[in-house]
Amino acid sequence: MFTCTWTPDIPGNYTVIATFSGSAGYYGSTAETSFYASPAATPAPTATSQANLATTADLMIYVVVGVIAIIIAIAIVGVFIMQSLRKRL
């Protein structure tokens, strides 16, 4: 028995032949096996995280500030309208 870890450079069919020529105490022997080496799998692309994106908390702050700015603008316009109506009376 023999074991080996190997990554072939070229995918395809391979045949492995082992030959033992023998010794003074053993007869010679030969064994053969074959296998197919698949092409190396390409790694899946990893998702990249995007930086500098607004979070939900950031968006809520922008909405609240915008609403407050609109309320202040309406109040200022209301004050100018009331002053112009008082001058006419």
C-alpha atoms as a PDB file:
ATOM      1  CA  MET A   1       0.000   0.000   0.000  1.00  0.00           C
ATOM      2  CA  PHE A   2       1.128   3.518  -0.786  1.00  0.00           C
ATOM      3  CA  THR A   3      -0.471   6.896  -0.135  1.00  0.00           C
ATOM      4  CA  CYS A   4       0.347  10.326  -1.561  1.00  0.00           C
ATOM      5  CA  THR A   5      -1.270  13.769  -1.583  1.00  0.00           C
ATOM      6  CA  TRP A   6      -0.836  15.473  -4.918  1.00  0.00           C
ATOM      7  CA  THR A   7      -2.471  18.262  -6.909  1.00  0.00           C
ATOM      8  CA  PRO A   8      -2.040  17.645 -10.623  1.00  0.00           C
ATOM      9  CA  ASP A   9      -1.200  20.598 -12.885  1.00  0.00           C
ATOM     10  CA  ILE A  10      -3.315  19.299 -15.758  1.00  0.00           C
ATOM     11  CA  PRO A  11      -6.790  17.782 -15.313  1.00  0.00           C
ATOM     12  CA  GLY A  12      -7.537  14.485 -17.020  1.00  0.00           C
ATOM     13  CA  ASN A  13      -7.161  10.704 -16.753  1.00  0.00           C
ATOM     14  CA  TYR A  14      -4.081   9.344 -15.016  1.00  0.00           C
ATOM     15  CA  THR A  15      -2.769   5.797 -14.645  1.00  0.00           C
ATOM     16  CA  VAL A  16      -0.483   4.810 -11.789  1.00  0.00           C
ATOM     17  CA  ILE A  17       1.629   1.678 -12.188  1.00  0.00           C
ATOM     18  CA  ALA A  18       3.581   0.220  -9.261  1.00  0.00           C
ATOM     19  CA  THR A  19       6.225  -2.366  -9.948  1.00  0.00           C
ATOM     20  CA  PHE A  20       8.215  -4.408  -7.417  1.00  0.00           C
ATOM     21  CA  SER A  21      11.020  -6.287  -9.092  1.00  0.00           C
ATOM     22  CA  GLY A  22      11.329  -8.780  -6.264  1.00  0.00           C
ATOM     23  CA  SER A  23      14.055  -9.754  -3.860  1.00  0.00           C
ATOM     24  CA  ALA A  24      15.733 -12.882  -2.586  1.00  0.00           C
ATOM     25  CA  GLY A  25      12.704 -13.645  -0.386  1.00  0.00           C
ATOM     26  CA  TYR A  26       9.784 -12.339  -2.521  1.00  0.00           C
ATOM     27  CA  TYR A  27       8.596 -12.690  -6.091  1.00  0.00           C
ATOM     28  CA  GLY A  28       8.135  -9.559  -8.176  1.00  0.00           C
ATOM     29  CA  SER A  29       4.699  -7.989  -8.603  1.00  0.00           C
ATOM     30  CA  THR A  30       2.920  -5.228 -10.463  1.00  0.00           C
ATOM     31  CA  ALA A  31      -0.253  -3.270  -9.714  1.00  0.00           C
ATOM     32  CA  GLU A  32      -2.099  -0.669 -11.714  1.00  0.00           C
ATOM     33  CA  THR A  33      -4.868   1.817 -10.970  1.00  0.00           C
ATOM     34  CA  SER A  34      -6.280   4.894 -12.630  1.00  0.00           C
ATOM     35  CA  PHE A  35      -8.097   8.058 -11.605  1.00  0.00           C
ATOM     36  CA  TYR A  36      -9.493  11.248 -13.065  1.00  0.00           C
ATOM     37  CA  ALA A  37      -8.223  14.643 -11.859  1.00  0.00           C
ATOM     38  CA  SER A  38     -10.863  17.391 -12.113  1.00  0.00           C
ATOM     39  CA  PRO A  39      -9.922  20.967 -12.905  1.00  0.00           C
ATOM     40  CA  ALA A  40      -9.250  23.060  -9.807  1.00  0.00           C
ATOM     41  CA  ALA A  41     -12.352  24.794  -8.529  1.00  0.00           C
ATOM     42  CA  THR A  42     -12.284  28.557  -8.726  1.00  0.00           C
ATOM     43  CA  PRO A  43     -13.077  30.203  -5.410  1.00  0.00           C
ATOM     44  CA  ALA A  44     -16.384  32.000  -5.181  1.00  0.00           C
ATOM     45  CA  PRO A  45     -16.079  35.776  -5.142  1.00  0.00           C
ATOM     46  CA  THR A  46     -16.395  37.256  -1.695  1.00  0.00           C
ATOM     47  CA  ALA A  47     -18.815  40.034  -0.977  1.00  0.00           C
ATOM     48  CA  THR A  48     -17.131  43.309  -0.260  1.00  0.00           C
ATOM     49  CA  SER A  49     -18.625  45.536   2.356  1.00  0.00           C
ATOM     50  CA  GLN A  50     -19.350  49.045   1.220  1.00  0.00           C
ATOM     51  CA  ALA A  51     -18.157  51.802   3.478  1.00  0.00           C
ATOM     52  CA  ASN A  52     -19.599  55.244   4.116  1.00  0.00           C
ATOM     53  CA  LEU A  53     -23.239  54.252   3.650  1.00  0.00           C
ATOM     54  CA  ALA A  54     -25.965  55.965   5.641  1.00  0.00           C
ATOM     55  CA  THR A  55     -27.486  53.857   8.383  1.00  0.00           C
ATOM     56  CA  THR A  56     -31.122  53.894   9.457  1.00  0.00           C
ATOM     57  CA  ALA A  57     -30.217  56.099  12.416  1.00  0.00           C
ATOM     58  CA  ASP A  58     -28.532  58.603  10.079  1.00  0.00           C
ATOM     59  CA  LEU A  59     -31.595  58.724   7.837  1.00  0.00           C
ATOM     60  CA  MET A  60     -33.909  59.274  10.812  1.00  0.00           C
ATOM     61  CA  ILE A  61     -31.768  62.191  11.996  1.00  0.00           C
ATOM     62  CA  TYR A  62     -31.907  63.763   8.519  1.00  0.00           C
ATOM     63  CA  VAL A  63     -35.707  63.364   8.391  1.00  0.00           C
ATOM     64  CA  VAL A  64     -36.181  64.888  11.855  1.00  0.00           C
ATOM     65  CA  VAL A  65     -33.879  67.828  11.045  1.00  0.00           C
ATOM     66  CA  GLY A  66     -35.718  68.370   7.748  1.00  0.00           C
ATOM     67  CA  VAL A  67     -39.133  68.355   9.428  1.00  0.00           C
ATOM     68  CA  ILE A  68     -37.938  70.835  12.077  1.00  0.00           C
ATOM     69  CA  ALA A  69     -36.512  73.098   9.344  1.00  0.00           C
ATOM     70  CA  ILE A  70     -39.842  73.024   7.476  1.00  0.00           C
ATOM     71  CA  ILE A  71     -41.778  73.882  10.670  1.00  0.00           C
ATOM     72  CA  ILE A  72     -39.432  76.812  11.376  1.00  0.00           C
ATOM     73  CA  ALA A  73     -39.782  78.058   7.779  1.00  0.00           C
ATOM     74  CA  ILE A  74     -43.605  77.886   8.018  1.00  0.00           C
ATOM     75  CA  ALA A  75     -43.504  79.763  11.354  1.00  0.00           C
ATOM     76  CA  ILE A  76     -41.309  82.513   9.861  1.00  0.00           C
ATOM     77  CA  VAL A  77     -43.627  82.898   6.871  1.00  0.00           C
ATOM     78  CA  GLY A  78     -46.592  83.014   9.271  1.00  0.00           C
ATOM     79  CA  VAL A  79     -44.959  85.795  11.309  1.00  0.00           C
ATOM     80  CA  PHE A  80     -44.351  87.870   8.133  1.00  0.00           C
ATOM     81  CA  ILE A  81     -47.956  87.360   7.013  1.00  0.00           C
ATOM     82  CA  MET A  82     -49.293  88.402  10.444  1.00  0.00           C
ATOM     83  CA  GLN A  83     -47.119  91.541  10.413  1.00  0.00           C
ATOM     84  CA  SER A  84     -48.275  92.518   6.946  1.00  0.00           C
ATOM     85  CA  LEU A  85     -51.929  92.004   7.972  1.00  0.00           C
ATOM     86  CA  ARG A  86     -51.464  94.187  11.081  1.00  0.00           C
ATOM     87  CA  LYS A  87     -49.991  97.015   8.988  1.00  0.00           C
ATOM     88  CA  ARG A  88     -53.069  96.980   6.742  1.00  0.00           C
ATOM     89  CA  LEU A  89     -55.481  97.221   9.656  1.00  0.00           C
END
